[in-house]
Amino acid sequence: MFADLGRTQLGPEADVITRAVAVPSLAALAVIHVVDLPGTLGPDPLVGIGYLGIIAAAILAGGAMIVRSGWPAWAAAGGLAMAAMTGYLLTRALPGGFLGDHGDVGNWRCPLGIAALSVETLIILLAAGWAWQVRVRATGPAARAGSARPARSGRVPKAAMARSPHDR
């Protein structure tokens, strides 16, 4: 049942659709952190600085993804989502807090945090799906059939240079 899952080749429209979901997701991630930003700029500025970094990176990754779909844009989006998710988990799970944030320890029901985790999960899944499709295209039947062709290096292979018995 799952053996044929990777054999489906998606066309360019799938990339457009994936980007059309990822860009608003990155914008939502930025907006969630903008809404929560004022409470992080108080006595523990490291968390606020992290929020500003997430906001800037989400805007830049979204802009890059609008312009072109490629490894840098998807790696930035997926890496940003993973970093933000890790920060959320660390601020709640570490007994002494993380980056000086002691107020969120154990606060797993924060609505903005749950919204951020949801968006981050979506971005990670989209980036992983995009990377998987790139790999499928690179190792699919068409790519394997292309590897049977000789390399175009401009050199004549040694086997072609060998003299046949008829040339003597």
Protein backbone atom coordinates (compact mmCIF):
# COMPACT_ATOMS: atom_id res chain seq x y z
CA MET A 1 0.00 0.00 0.00
CA PHE A 2 2.75 2.46 0.93
CA ALA A 3 5.24 1.21 -1.65
CA ASP A 4 3.79 3.45 -4.39
CA LEU A 5 3.53 6.50 -2.15
CA GLY A 6 6.84 8.03 -3.24
CA ARG A 7 6.37 7.21 -6.92
CA THR A 8 3.81 9.91 -7.59
CA GLN A 9 5.46 12.85 -9.28
CA LEU A 10 3.93 16.17 -8.34
CA GLY A 11 4.00 18.94 -10.86
CA PRO A 12 4.92 22.59 -10.45
CA GLU A 13 1.38 23.39 -9.27
CA ALA A 14 2.03 21.38 -6.09
CA ASP A 15 5.01 23.61 -5.32
CA VAL A 16 2.85 26.71 -5.81
CA ILE A 17 0.17 25.30 -3.51
CA THR A 18 2.73 24.35 -0.85
CA ARG A 19 4.23 27.83 -0.96
CA ALA A 20 0.74 29.35 -0.87
CA VAL A 21 0.17 27.59 2.45
CA ALA A 22 3.67 28.18 3.85
CA VAL A 23 3.83 31.95 3.28
CA PRO A 24 0.66 32.77 5.25
CA SER A 25 1.80 30.30 7.92
CA LEU A 26 5.07 32.22 8.28
CA ALA A 27 3.08 35.47 8.42
CA ALA A 28 0.87 33.96 11.13
CA LEU A 29 3.96 32.93 13.09
CA ALA A 30 5.24 36.50 12.91
CA VAL A 31 1.86 37.96 13.94
CA ILE A 32 1.55 35.58 16.92
CA HIS A 33 4.94 36.73 18.17
CA VAL A 34 4.12 40.41 17.53
CA VAL A 35 0.95 40.06 19.64
CA ASP A 36 2.90 38.42 22.48
CA LEU A 37 5.94 40.71 22.16
CA PRO A 38 5.02 43.48 24.67
CA GLY A 39 4.99 41.03 27.58
CA THR A 40 8.47 39.79 26.71
CA LEU A 41 10.29 43.13 26.61
CA GLY A 42 10.19 43.70 30.36
CA PRO A 43 12.81 42.63 32.85
CA ASP A 44 13.98 39.61 30.81
CA PRO A 45 14.90 41.12 27.43
CA LEU A 46 16.48 37.92 26.02
CA VAL A 47 13.06 36.41 25.32
CA GLY A 48 11.95 39.64 23.63
CA ILE A 49 15.09 39.66 21.51
CA GLY A 50 14.32 36.07 20.54
CA TYR A 51 10.80 37.12 19.57
CA LEU A 52 12.17 39.94 17.41
CA GLY A 53 14.46 37.41 15.74
CA ILE A 54 11.55 35.06 15.06
CA ILE A 55 9.47 37.91 13.63
CA ALA A 56 12.27 39.11 11.34
CA ALA A 57 13.21 35.59 10.22
CA ALA A 58 9.57 34.70 9.47
CA ILE A 59 9.16 37.81 7.33
CA LEU A 60 12.42 37.16 5.47
CA ALA A 61 11.69 33.46 4.93
CA GLY A 62 8.18 34.25 3.70
CA GLY A 63 9.53 36.88 1.32
CA ALA A 64 12.17 34.49 0.02
CA MET A 65 9.52 31.83 -0.50
CA ILE A 66 7.35 34.24 -2.48
CA VAL A 67 10.26 35.00 -4.80
CA ARG A 68 11.51 31.45 -5.27
CA SER A 69 11.06 27.97 -3.90
CA GLY A 70 14.42 26.46 -3.09
CA TRP A 71 16.53 24.88 -0.38
CA PRO A 72 17.49 28.16 1.31
CA ALA A 73 13.89 29.34 1.71
CA TRP A 74 12.57 25.98 2.89
CA ALA A 75 15.53 25.37 5.21
CA ALA A 76 15.03 28.82 6.73
CA ALA A 77 11.31 28.23 7.21
CA GLY A 78 11.70 24.76 8.69
CA GLY A 79 14.67 25.75 10.85
CA LEU A 80 12.85 28.82 12.15
CA ALA A 81 9.78 26.78 13.06
CA MET A 82 11.90 24.17 14.81
CA ALA A 83 13.86 26.82 16.73
CA ALA A 84 10.69 28.62 17.84
CA MET A 85 9.08 25.34 18.89
CA THR A 86 12.20 24.37 20.83
CA GLY A 87 12.21 27.73 22.59
CA TYR A 88 8.56 27.29 23.57
CA LEU A 89 9.20 23.82 24.93
CA LEU A 90 12.30 24.89 26.86
CA THR A 91 10.59 27.90 28.49
CA ARG A 92 7.89 25.60 29.83
CA ALA A 93 9.80 22.41 30.58
CA LEU A 94 13.00 23.59 32.31
CA PRO A 95 12.41 23.95 36.06
CA GLY A 96 14.54 27.10 36.35
CA GLY A 97 13.17 28.67 33.17
CA PHE A 98 14.96 29.38 29.91
CA LEU A 99 16.65 32.66 28.98
CA GLY A 100 15.53 34.11 32.28
CA ASP A 101 11.85 33.40 31.63
CA HIS A 102 10.57 31.91 34.89
CA GLY A 103 6.94 32.95 34.43
CA ASP A 104 6.06 30.40 31.76
CA VAL A 105 7.36 27.27 33.49
CA GLY A 106 4.49 24.75 33.35
CA ASN A 107 2.23 27.14 31.38
CA TRP A 108 1.23 24.64 28.67
CA ARG A 109 -2.26 26.07 28.07
CA CYS A 110 -1.29 29.48 26.75
CA PRO A 111 -3.60 30.14 23.74
CA LEU A 112 -0.94 32.03 21.77
CA GLY A 113 1.58 29.31 22.53
CA ILE A 114 -0.76 26.61 21.28
CA ALA A 115 -1.47 28.66 18.15
CA ALA A 116 2.27 29.11 17.59
CA LEU A 117 2.92 25.39 18.04
CA SER A 118 0.19 24.60 15.52
CA VAL A 119 1.61 26.95 12.91
CA GLU A 120 5.17 25.79 13.56
CA THR A 121 4.12 22.17 13.14
CA LEU A 122 2.46 23.02 9.82
CA ILE A 123 5.59 24.81 8.58
CA ILE A 124 7.82 21.89 9.61
CA LEU A 125 5.53 19.41 7.85
CA LEU A 126 5.46 21.54 4.69
CA ALA A 127 9.26 21.88 4.66
CA ALA A 128 9.71 18.14 5.24
CA GLY A 129 7.18 17.34 2.51
CA TRP A 130 8.94 19.68 0.09
CA ALA A 131 12.31 18.07 0.87
CA TRP A 132 10.81 14.61 0.44
CA GLN A 133 9.38 15.50 -2.96
CA VAL A 134 12.72 16.92 -4.08
CA ARG A 135 14.38 13.67 -3.04
CA VAL A 136 11.72 11.59 -4.82
CA ARG A 137 12.28 13.57 -8.01
CA ALA A 138 16.05 13.17 -7.69
CA THR A 139 15.92 9.41 -7.08
CA GLY A 140 12.78 8.56 -9.04
CA PRO A 141 12.59 6.40 -12.16
CA ALA A 142 13.29 9.32 -14.50
CA ALA A 143 16.44 10.24 -12.59
CA ARG A 144 17.60 6.62 -12.48
CA ALA A 145 17.01 6.25 -16.23
CA GLY A 146 19.08 9.38 -16.78
CA SER A 147 21.98 7.98 -14.78
CA ALA A 148 22.47 5.20 -17.36
CA ARG A 149 23.64 7.79 -19.88
CA PRO A 150 27.36 8.50 -20.09
CA ALA A 151 28.60 11.64 -18.42
CA ARG A 152 29.15 14.60 -20.71
CA SER A 153 32.66 15.47 -19.77
CA GLY A 154 33.98 15.96 -23.28
CA ARG A 155 36.34 13.02 -22.85
CA VAL A 156 36.11 9.80 -24.76
CA PRO A 157 35.68 6.80 -22.44
CA LYS A 158 38.61 4.38 -22.33
CA ALA A 159 36.44 1.56 -23.60
CA ALA A 160 35.72 3.53 -26.77
CA MET A 161 39.42 4.17 -27.28
CA ALA A 162 40.34 0.48 -27.16
CA ARG A 163 41.09 -0.98 -30.51
CA SER A 164 38.90 -3.72 -31.77
CA PRO A 165 40.37 -6.90 -33.32
CA HIS A 166 39.19 -5.67 -36.76
CA ASP A 167 41.37 -2.56 -36.57
CA ARG A 168 44.65 -4.55 -36.63
